[in-house]
Amino acid sequence: MAAVAVLTAVVTSVSTAGVSHSDPGLRDVLIVGNNWEGTADVLTSTAPYTKMGRINAIPDKDERLREIFADPVKSALFLGIRYTVGEGHDQYIDDIYATADGQAVVLSRPSFADVVSIDLASGKILWRFPVSGARADHMAISPDGHSIAVSASTSNTVHVIDVATGKQQGRFGTGDKPHENVYTNGGRYLWNMSIGEVNTPLDAPALDATKGDRKITVVDTTTFRVVRTIDMRQRLDAIGRRDLSDAVRPVAFSPDEKTMYFQVSFFAGLVEYDVASDTITRVVDLPKNPATSPDRTRWVNDSRHHGLSMNTDGSQLCVAGTMDDYVTIVDRRSLTPGPLVRTAKPYWATVNGDSTDCIISESESDTVSAISFSTGQRTAQIPVGDHPQRIRLGKVSAAWTGNSEH
């Protein structure tokens, strides 16, 4: 239990990790990655969410495609991504963070199996890190802004990269298909959630074993050694929820990091987990849209709900009901949902710059929406690029206006 006690120490909030707060020449922004288009839109971090500019995430597209199609193995893997998890599209930007000095962004590019740093002034690539395997996925930036972790989803590996140089600082193995990464304890620990095989049609509950090894892997970032492994299958079974998948999707920690909330594959709801006791304390089933097909093979990459965030005082959760086409603000004390705000396949949830709104990417309508934590209603909707996914808070130069004509 000593490791558990250490993991529950009070730390810096991960929602502002890597963000510098001292330079008056920088401006708080929201960065929206448009996965199928290969761009990122930069908005002011609070209402009215004015567009500041756009980033070209694939300035080396022609070079990368020549390299891929010159190699039969690489081309097969590239097309495999397009026609499975890409839903017929190439995936150019999964996750994105601004550097602490506001001079560059670091982004993961699934179809190119890499992580790149792009200079915001010139639009040029500063460094490129090819991941192991064939696909780069979710990332996390350390609270000090010096390191960035990326899931290499086909090699069951997380790489930790130096933000300044693009050199690997460390790596560690995970369960099958590593997904979300979260730093805790001021950056001392890194949590990775593996979700298993999500792009097969073997989605019936009786075929759950085909999904592979799904677990949470926690490493000490000073050594990259595993300090804890959590199999949610055992914890779910212990409370009588054998019906739920153990594939942990998006998560949100309470401000003191003693409690973790998470979504799982195929489930319209939330799970509450106490870190110190290593137990699931509550499960809430959220409303289901009667218009949603019951055919689980039609749900995007095994998601029913995919997108979760918490306001900075820890009183409310924001839930993206992806396949149910709604967003709702959930009271954390009672786990009661508020109004169901109709949205178009919401895919991610984050908190805006002053914690007044939850910002949702609507992947089907190519917009982002602001949902008020106080009223539970939509306060703004902003058009962005094709298939917005991850949205991250960061800082850029106040004078910056973009580097893409795309």
Protein backbone atom coordinates (compact mmCIF):
# COMPACT_ATOMS: atom_id res chain seq x y z
CA MET A 1 0.00 0.00 0.00
CA ALA A 2 3.03 2.32 0.26
CA ALA A 3 2.99 2.89 -3.49
CA VAL A 4 -0.73 3.63 -3.34
CA ALA A 5 -0.18 6.22 -0.62
CA VAL A 6 2.49 7.96 -2.68
CA LEU A 7 0.25 8.02 -5.73
CA THR A 8 -2.45 9.94 -3.86
CA ALA A 9 -0.26 12.90 -2.91
CA VAL A 10 -1.63 16.33 -3.78
CA VAL A 11 -0.11 17.60 -7.03
CA THR A 12 -0.34 20.17 -9.77
CA SER A 13 -3.53 19.97 -11.83
CA VAL A 14 -2.93 18.12 -15.09
CA SER A 15 -5.36 20.39 -16.95
CA THR A 16 -2.74 23.16 -17.12
CA ALA A 17 0.33 20.97 -17.44
CA GLY A 18 3.12 22.51 -19.45
CA VAL A 19 1.49 25.96 -19.54
CA SER A 20 3.68 28.93 -18.63
CA HIS A 21 1.93 31.62 -16.60
CA SER A 22 4.61 34.32 -16.35
CA ASP A 23 5.25 35.77 -19.82
CA PRO A 24 2.97 38.75 -20.60
CA GLY A 25 3.72 38.27 -24.29
CA LEU A 26 1.82 34.98 -24.31
CA ARG A 27 -1.91 34.42 -24.57
CA ASP A 28 -4.06 31.60 -23.22
CA VAL A 29 -5.59 29.55 -26.02
CA LEU A 30 -7.50 26.41 -26.84
CA ILE A 31 -5.89 24.26 -29.54
CA VAL A 32 -8.25 22.04 -31.54
CA GLY A 33 -6.76 19.20 -33.56
CA ASN A 34 -8.67 18.47 -36.79
CA ASN A 35 -7.73 14.85 -37.33
CA TRP A 36 -8.91 14.14 -40.86
CA GLU A 37 -7.78 17.52 -42.23
CA GLY A 38 -4.33 17.76 -40.71
CA THR A 39 -4.81 21.21 -39.22
CA ALA A 40 -5.26 22.70 -35.77
CA ASP A 41 -7.41 25.72 -35.02
CA VAL A 42 -6.33 28.05 -32.23
CA LEU A 43 -9.04 29.87 -30.28
CA THR A 44 -8.95 32.26 -27.35
CA SER A 45 -9.36 30.23 -24.17
CA THR A 46 -12.49 32.00 -22.94
CA ALA A 47 -15.66 33.42 -24.49
CA PRO A 48 -16.22 34.49 -27.20
CA TYR A 49 -13.63 31.90 -28.36
CA THR A 50 -12.25 34.02 -31.17
CA LYS A 51 -10.15 32.25 -33.78
CA MET A 52 -6.54 33.39 -33.63
CA GLY A 53 -5.14 31.29 -36.44
CA ARG A 54 -4.59 27.86 -37.92
CA ILE A 55 -1.64 25.46 -37.85
CA ASN A 56 -0.69 23.15 -40.71
CA ALA A 57 0.06 19.86 -38.93
CA ILE A 58 1.37 18.10 -42.04
CA PRO A 59 3.81 20.44 -43.83
CA ASP A 60 5.82 17.35 -44.78
CA LYS A 61 2.83 15.41 -46.14
CA ASP A 62 4.29 14.79 -49.60
CA GLU A 63 7.58 13.55 -48.16
CA ARG A 64 5.84 11.22 -45.72
CA LEU A 65 3.55 9.75 -48.38
CA ARG A 66 6.46 9.09 -50.73
CA GLU A 67 8.26 7.28 -47.93
CA ILE A 68 5.17 5.24 -47.02
CA PHE A 69 4.18 4.14 -50.51
CA ALA A 70 7.76 3.19 -51.38
CA ASP A 71 7.53 0.48 -48.73
CA PRO A 72 4.88 -2.27 -49.15
CA VAL A 73 4.71 -2.93 -45.41
CA LYS A 74 4.35 0.73 -44.47
CA SER A 75 1.75 1.30 -47.18
CA ALA A 76 -0.29 -1.67 -45.97
CA LEU A 77 -0.22 -0.36 -42.41
CA PHE A 78 -1.09 3.16 -43.57
CA LEU A 79 -4.12 1.89 -45.49
CA GLY A 80 -5.05 -0.34 -42.59
CA ILE A 81 -5.38 2.71 -40.35
CA ARG A 82 -7.43 4.50 -43.01
CA TYR A 83 -10.00 1.73 -43.33
CA THR A 84 -10.26 0.70 -39.67
CA VAL A 85 -9.87 3.31 -36.92
CA GLY A 86 -9.81 6.10 -39.53
CA GLU A 87 -13.32 5.28 -40.78
CA GLY A 88 -12.12 5.71 -44.37
CA HIS A 89 -9.93 8.73 -43.63
CA ASP A 90 -6.25 9.26 -42.94
CA GLN A 91 -5.53 10.33 -39.36
CA TYR A 92 -3.21 13.30 -39.37
CA ILE A 93 -3.48 14.67 -35.85
CA ASP A 94 -4.59 12.81 -32.77
CA ASP A 95 -3.26 14.97 -29.94
CA ILE A 96 -1.56 18.34 -29.61
CA TYR A 97 0.08 20.52 -26.95
CA ALA A 98 1.73 23.92 -26.98
CA THR A 99 5.22 24.15 -25.53
CA ALA A 100 5.61 26.06 -22.27
CA ASP A 101 7.28 29.02 -24.01
CA GLY A 102 4.46 29.29 -26.54
CA GLN A 103 6.83 29.05 -29.49
CA ALA A 104 5.88 25.62 -30.84
CA VAL A 105 3.33 22.83 -30.72
CA VAL A 106 3.99 19.12 -30.34
CA LEU A 107 1.53 16.77 -31.99
CA SER A 108 1.01 13.07 -32.62
CA ARG A 109 0.16 11.93 -36.16
CA PRO A 110 -1.42 8.45 -36.24
CA SER A 111 -1.15 7.72 -39.96
CA PHE A 112 2.46 8.90 -40.07
CA ALA A 113 3.37 6.98 -36.88
CA ASP A 114 5.25 9.92 -35.44
CA VAL A 115 5.38 12.90 -33.12
CA VAL A 116 6.56 16.25 -34.45
CA SER A 117 7.30 19.68 -33.05
CA ILE A 118 6.23 22.56 -35.29
CA ASP A 119 7.54 26.10 -34.92
CA LEU A 120 4.56 28.44 -34.68
CA ALA A 121 6.32 31.39 -36.32
CA SER A 122 7.63 29.59 -39.41
CA GLY A 123 5.38 26.53 -39.60
CA LYS A 124 8.47 24.36 -40.02
CA ILE A 125 9.09 21.05 -38.29
CA LEU A 126 11.70 21.41 -35.55
CA TRP A 127 12.05 17.68 -34.85
CA ARG A 128 10.36 14.42 -35.71
CA PHE A 129 10.19 11.28 -33.56
CA PRO A 130 8.99 8.08 -35.30
CA VAL A 131 7.22 5.88 -32.76
CA SER A 132 7.63 2.13 -32.57
CA GLY A 133 4.98 0.28 -34.52
CA ALA A 134 2.56 1.82 -36.98
CA ARG A 135 0.47 4.40 -35.11
CA ALA A 136 0.87 7.31 -32.67
CA ASP A 137 -2.08 8.09 -30.39
CA HIS A 138 -2.90 10.00 -27.19
CA MET A 139 -0.24 12.12 -25.49
CA ALA A 140 0.34 13.93 -22.19
CA ILE A 141 2.73 16.75 -21.39
CA SER A 142 4.47 16.82 -18.02
CA PRO A 143 3.55 19.60 -15.57
CA ASP A 144 6.96 21.24 -16.04
CA GLY A 145 6.55 21.16 -19.82
CA HIS A 146 9.84 19.34 -20.39
CA SER A 147 8.54 15.88 -21.38
CA ILE A 148 5.77 14.53 -23.54
CA ALA A 149 4.44 10.97 -23.46
CA VAL A 150 2.85 9.31 -26.48
CA SER A 151 1.08 5.99 -26.87
CA ALA A 152 2.43 3.87 -29.72
CA SER A 153 -0.77 1.91 -30.04
CA THR A 154 0.34 -1.00 -32.23
CA SER A 155 3.54 -1.77 -30.30
CA ASN A 156 2.03 -1.60 -26.79
CA THR A 157 4.59 1.02 -25.83
CA VAL A 158 4.65 4.51 -24.39
CA HIS A 159 7.55 6.74 -25.44
CA VAL A 160 8.53 9.72 -23.30
CA ILE A 161 10.20 12.43 -25.38
CA ASP A 162 12.20 15.54 -24.52
CA VAL A 163 10.05 18.46 -25.72
CA ALA A 164 13.05 20.63 -26.60
CA THR A 165 15.11 18.09 -28.53
CA GLY A 166 12.76 15.32 -29.65
CA LYS A 167 15.04 12.71 -28.07
CA GLN A 168 13.61 9.77 -26.17
CA GLN A 169 13.96 10.04 -22.39
CA GLY A 170 12.45 6.65 -21.68
CA ARG A 171 9.86 4.08 -22.69
CA PHE A 172 7.77 1.37 -21.08
CA GLY A 173 5.48 -1.48 -22.04
CA THR A 174 1.71 -1.40 -21.56
CA GLY A 175 -1.34 -3.54 -22.11
CA ASP A 176 -2.82 -3.98 -25.57
CA LYS A 177 -3.45 -0.74 -27.47
CA PRO A 178 -2.24 1.97 -25.07
CA HIS A 179 -4.56 4.95 -25.15
CA GLU A 180 -4.80 7.86 -22.71
CA ASN A 181 -1.82 9.11 -20.68
CA VAL A 182 -2.05 11.24 -17.52
CA TYR A 183 0.70 12.67 -15.34
CA THR A 184 0.06 12.77 -11.58
CA ASN A 185 1.91 13.77 -8.41
CA GLY A 186 3.51 16.80 -10.03
CA GLY A 187 4.84 14.67 -12.85
CA ARG A 188 6.37 11.93 -10.67
CA TYR A 189 4.01 9.29 -12.02
CA LEU A 190 2.56 8.59 -15.44
CA TRP A 191 -0.63 6.58 -15.88
CA ASN A 192 -1.43 4.79 -19.14
CA MET A 193 -4.76 3.19 -19.95
CA SER A 194 -4.78 0.41 -22.55
CA ILE A 195 -8.10 -0.27 -24.28
CA GLY A 196 -7.46 -3.46 -26.24
CA GLU A 197 -8.58 -4.22 -29.77
CA VAL A 198 -11.25 -1.65 -30.64
CA ASN A 199 -11.30 -1.97 -34.42
CA THR A 200 -12.63 -5.51 -34.78
CA PRO A 201 -16.28 -6.54 -35.20
CA LEU A 202 -15.98 -8.98 -32.28
CA ASP A 203 -17.96 -6.71 -29.98
CA ALA A 204 -20.50 -9.09 -28.44
CA PRO A 205 -20.05 -9.49 -24.67
CA ALA A 206 -19.39 -13.21 -25.15
CA LEU A 207 -16.36 -12.32 -27.28
CA ASP A 208 -14.84 -9.94 -24.75
CA ALA A 209 -11.71 -12.08 -24.35
CA THR A 210 -10.74 -11.29 -27.95
CA LYS A 211 -10.16 -7.66 -26.97
CA GLY A 212 -6.84 -8.50 -25.34
CA ASP A 213 -5.01 -7.31 -22.25
CA ARG A 214 -6.62 -4.14 -20.92
CA LYS A 215 -5.08 -2.53 -17.87
CA ILE A 216 -3.75 0.64 -16.31
CA THR A 217 0.03 0.87 -16.10
CA VAL A 218 1.58 3.38 -13.68
CA VAL A 219 5.29 4.18 -13.94
CA ASP A 220 7.73 6.26 -11.94
CA THR A 221 8.98 8.88 -14.39
CA THR A 222 12.40 9.04 -12.76
CA THR A 223 13.11 5.43 -13.73
CA PHE A 224 10.25 4.47 -16.11
CA ARG A 225 9.74 1.37 -14.04
CA VAL A 226 6.22 0.09 -13.42
CA VAL A 227 5.11 0.77 -9.85
CA ARG A 228 1.52 -0.36 -10.17
CA THR A 229 -0.76 -2.26 -12.53
CA ILE A 230 -4.54 -2.05 -12.22
CA ASP A 231 -6.89 -4.53 -13.88
CA MET A 232 -10.37 -3.01 -13.69
CA ARG A 233 -11.92 -6.38 -14.55
CA GLN A 234 -11.35 -7.55 -11.00
CA ARG A 235 -12.64 -4.30 -9.50
CA LEU A 236 -15.78 -4.28 -11.66
CA ASP A 237 -16.52 -7.92 -10.89
CA ALA A 238 -16.18 -7.17 -7.17
CA ILE A 239 -19.13 -4.76 -7.31
CA GLY A 240 -21.27 -6.99 -9.51
CA ARG A 241 -20.71 -5.17 -12.81
CA ARG A 242 -19.51 -8.07 -14.91
CA ASP A 243 -21.57 -6.55 -17.72
CA LEU A 244 -19.13 -3.66 -18.11
CA SER A 245 -15.97 -3.66 -20.20
CA ASP A 246 -12.67 -3.14 -18.39
CA ALA A 247 -11.28 -0.98 -21.22
CA VAL A 248 -10.71 2.37 -19.50
CA ARG A 249 -11.26 5.26 -21.89
CA PRO A 250 -10.99 8.99 -20.98
CA VAL A 251 -10.38 9.70 -17.30
CA ALA A 252 -10.63 12.71 -14.99
CA PHE A 253 -8.90 12.97 -11.63
CA SER A 254 -10.25 15.05 -8.76
CA PRO A 255 -8.08 18.09 -7.88
CA ASP A 256 -6.48 16.18 -4.98
CA GLU A 257 -6.08 13.12 -7.22
CA LYS A 258 -7.62 10.84 -4.62
CA THR A 259 -10.50 9.94 -6.94
CA MET A 260 -10.50 9.00 -10.61
CA TYR A 261 -13.57 9.02 -12.84
CA PHE A 262 -13.52 7.11 -16.08
CA GLN A 263 -15.52 5.84 -19.03
CA VAL A 264 -15.29 2.31 -20.40
CA SER A 265 -15.99 0.82 -23.81
CA PHE A 266 -19.63 0.26 -24.78
CA PHE A 267 -20.98 2.00 -21.66
CA ALA A 268 -23.24 5.04 -21.36
CA GLY A 269 -22.09 6.14 -17.94
CA LEU A 270 -19.30 6.83 -15.47
CA VAL A 271 -17.24 4.87 -12.98
CA GLU A 272 -15.80 6.37 -9.77
CA TYR A 273 -12.59 4.85 -8.41
CA ASP A 274 -10.85 5.52 -5.09
CA VAL A 275 -7.11 5.52 -5.68
CA ALA A 276 -5.97 4.82 -2.10
CA SER A 277 -8.29 1.87 -1.43
CA ASP A 278 -8.02 0.58 -5.01
CA THR A 279 -11.77 0.10 -5.23
CA ILE A 280 -14.65 1.22 -7.40
CA THR A 281 -16.95 3.28 -5.21
CA ARG A 282 -19.80 4.23 -7.54
CA VAL A 283 -21.10 3.53 -11.04
CA VAL A 284 -23.70 5.73 -12.68
CA ASP A 285 -25.68 4.81 -15.78
CA LEU A 286 -26.38 7.92 -17.85
CA PRO A 287 -29.28 8.40 -20.27
CA LYS A 288 -29.23 6.55 -23.57
CA ASN A 289 -30.45 8.08 -26.78
CA PRO A 290 -33.28 5.84 -28.06
CA ALA A 291 -32.19 6.68 -31.61
CA THR A 292 -28.74 5.15 -31.06
CA SER A 293 -28.35 1.81 -32.81
CA PRO A 294 -27.98 -1.11 -30.38
CA ASP A 295 -25.51 -2.69 -32.82
CA ARG A 296 -22.21 -2.31 -30.98
CA THR A 297 -20.21 -2.87 -34.16
CA ARG A 298 -21.47 0.52 -35.38
CA TRP A 299 -20.09 2.43 -32.40
CA VAL A 300 -16.87 4.30 -33.15
CA ASN A 301 -13.90 2.24 -31.97
CA ASP A 302 -15.98 0.60 -29.22
CA SER A 303 -16.93 3.97 -27.74
CA ARG A 304 -20.40 4.66 -26.47
CA HIS A 305 -19.25 7.67 -24.45
CA HIS A 306 -15.81 9.17 -25.09
CA GLY A 307 -14.88 12.47 -23.49
CA LEU A 308 -14.62 13.46 -19.83
CA SER A 309 -13.34 16.47 -17.89
CA MET A 310 -13.78 18.11 -14.50
CA ASN A 311 -13.94 21.78 -13.57
CA THR A 312 -11.05 23.11 -11.52
CA ASP A 313 -12.83 23.11 -8.15
CA GLY A 314 -13.80 19.47 -8.63
CA SER A 315 -17.54 19.98 -8.25
CA GLN A 316 -18.72 19.05 -11.73
CA LEU A 317 -17.92 16.61 -14.49
CA CYS A 318 -18.49 17.16 -18.19
CA VAL A 319 -19.45 14.06 -20.15
CA ALA A 320 -19.38 13.60 -23.92
CA GLY A 321 -22.04 11.05 -24.84
CA THR A 322 -20.45 10.26 -28.17
CA MET A 323 -22.81 7.74 -29.78
CA ASP A 324 -25.79 9.19 -27.92
CA ASP A 325 -25.17 12.64 -29.43
CA TYR A 326 -25.31 14.67 -26.25
CA VAL A 327 -23.19 16.43 -23.66
CA THR A 328 -24.18 16.77 -20.03
CA ILE A 329 -22.77 18.38 -16.90
CA VAL A 330 -22.83 15.91 -14.00
CA ASP A 331 -22.85 16.99 -10.36
CA ARG A 332 -19.93 15.20 -8.78
CA ARG A 333 -21.46 14.80 -5.32
CA SER A 334 -24.67 13.14 -6.50
CA LEU A 335 -23.53 11.99 -9.96
CA THR A 336 -26.79 13.41 -11.29
CA PRO A 337 -26.74 14.61 -14.91
CA GLY A 338 -27.96 18.03 -15.92
CA PRO A 339 -29.62 18.96 -19.22
CA LEU A 340 -28.76 16.77 -22.20
CA VAL A 341 -27.37 19.18 -24.79
CA ARG A 342 -27.76 17.81 -28.29
CA THR A 343 -24.43 17.58 -30.12
CA ALA A 344 -23.06 15.81 -33.19
CA LYS A 345 -20.86 12.88 -32.10
CA PRO A 346 -18.95 14.70 -29.34
CA TYR A 347 -15.49 13.17 -29.08
CA TRP A 348 -13.55 15.02 -26.39
CA ALA A 349 -14.14 17.28 -23.40
CA THR A 350 -11.82 19.80 -21.78
CA VAL A 351 -12.18 22.84 -19.53
CA ASN A 352 -11.80 26.38 -20.83
CA GLY A 353 -9.31 28.92 -19.54
CA ASP A 354 -11.34 30.19 -16.57
CA SER A 355 -13.22 26.95 -15.77
CA THR A 356 -16.61 28.45 -16.62
CA ASP A 357 -17.28 26.24 -19.65
CA CYS A 358 -16.63 22.72 -20.84
CA ILE A 359 -15.33 22.68 -24.40
CA ILE A 360 -16.52 19.80 -26.58
CA SER A 361 -15.32 18.70 -30.01
CA GLU A 362 -18.27 17.77 -32.23
CA SER A 363 -16.59 15.45 -34.70
CA GLU A 364 -19.59 15.01 -36.98
CA SER A 365 -20.46 18.70 -37.43
CA ASP A 366 -16.85 20.01 -37.48
CA THR A 367 -17.50 22.39 -34.61
CA VAL A 368 -16.55 22.89 -31.00
CA SER A 369 -19.14 23.87 -28.42
CA ALA A 370 -18.92 25.57 -25.05
CA ILE A 371 -21.22 24.13 -22.37
CA SER A 372 -21.69 26.27 -19.25
CA PHE A 373 -20.81 24.56 -15.98
CA SER A 374 -23.30 26.83 -14.19
CA THR A 375 -26.35 26.29 -16.44
CA GLY A 376 -25.51 23.10 -18.32
CA GLN A 377 -26.48 24.82 -21.57
CA ARG A 378 -24.52 25.59 -24.74
CA THR A 379 -23.12 29.11 -24.76
CA ALA A 380 -21.17 29.06 -28.03
CA GLN A 381 -20.53 26.92 -31.11
CA ILE A 382 -17.51 27.58 -33.31
CA PRO A 383 -16.77 26.05 -36.73
CA VAL A 384 -13.37 24.36 -37.03
CA GLY A 385 -11.75 21.86 -39.41
CA ASP A 386 -12.61 18.33 -40.50
CA HIS A 387 -13.22 15.92 -37.61
CA PRO A 388 -12.06 17.80 -34.51
CA GLN A 389 -10.86 15.50 -31.74
CA ARG A 390 -8.45 16.51 -28.99
CA ILE A 391 -8.69 20.01 -27.50
CA ARG A 392 -5.90 21.25 -25.23
CA LEU A 393 -5.23 24.41 -23.25
CA GLY A 394 -1.96 26.15 -23.93
CA LYS A 395 -0.26 29.46 -24.63
CA VAL A 396 0.98 31.09 -27.82
CA SER A 397 2.45 34.47 -28.66
CA ALA A 398 -0.21 37.16 -28.39
CA ALA A 399 0.84 38.42 -31.84
CA TRP A 400 0.57 35.03 -33.55
CA THR A 401 -2.04 34.70 -36.34
CA GLY A 402 -1.37 31.28 -37.83
CA ASN A 403 0.86 29.53 -40.35
CA SER A 404 -1.58 27.63 -42.55
CA GLU A 405 -3.64 28.59 -45.58
CA HIS A 406 -5.31 25.15 -45.53
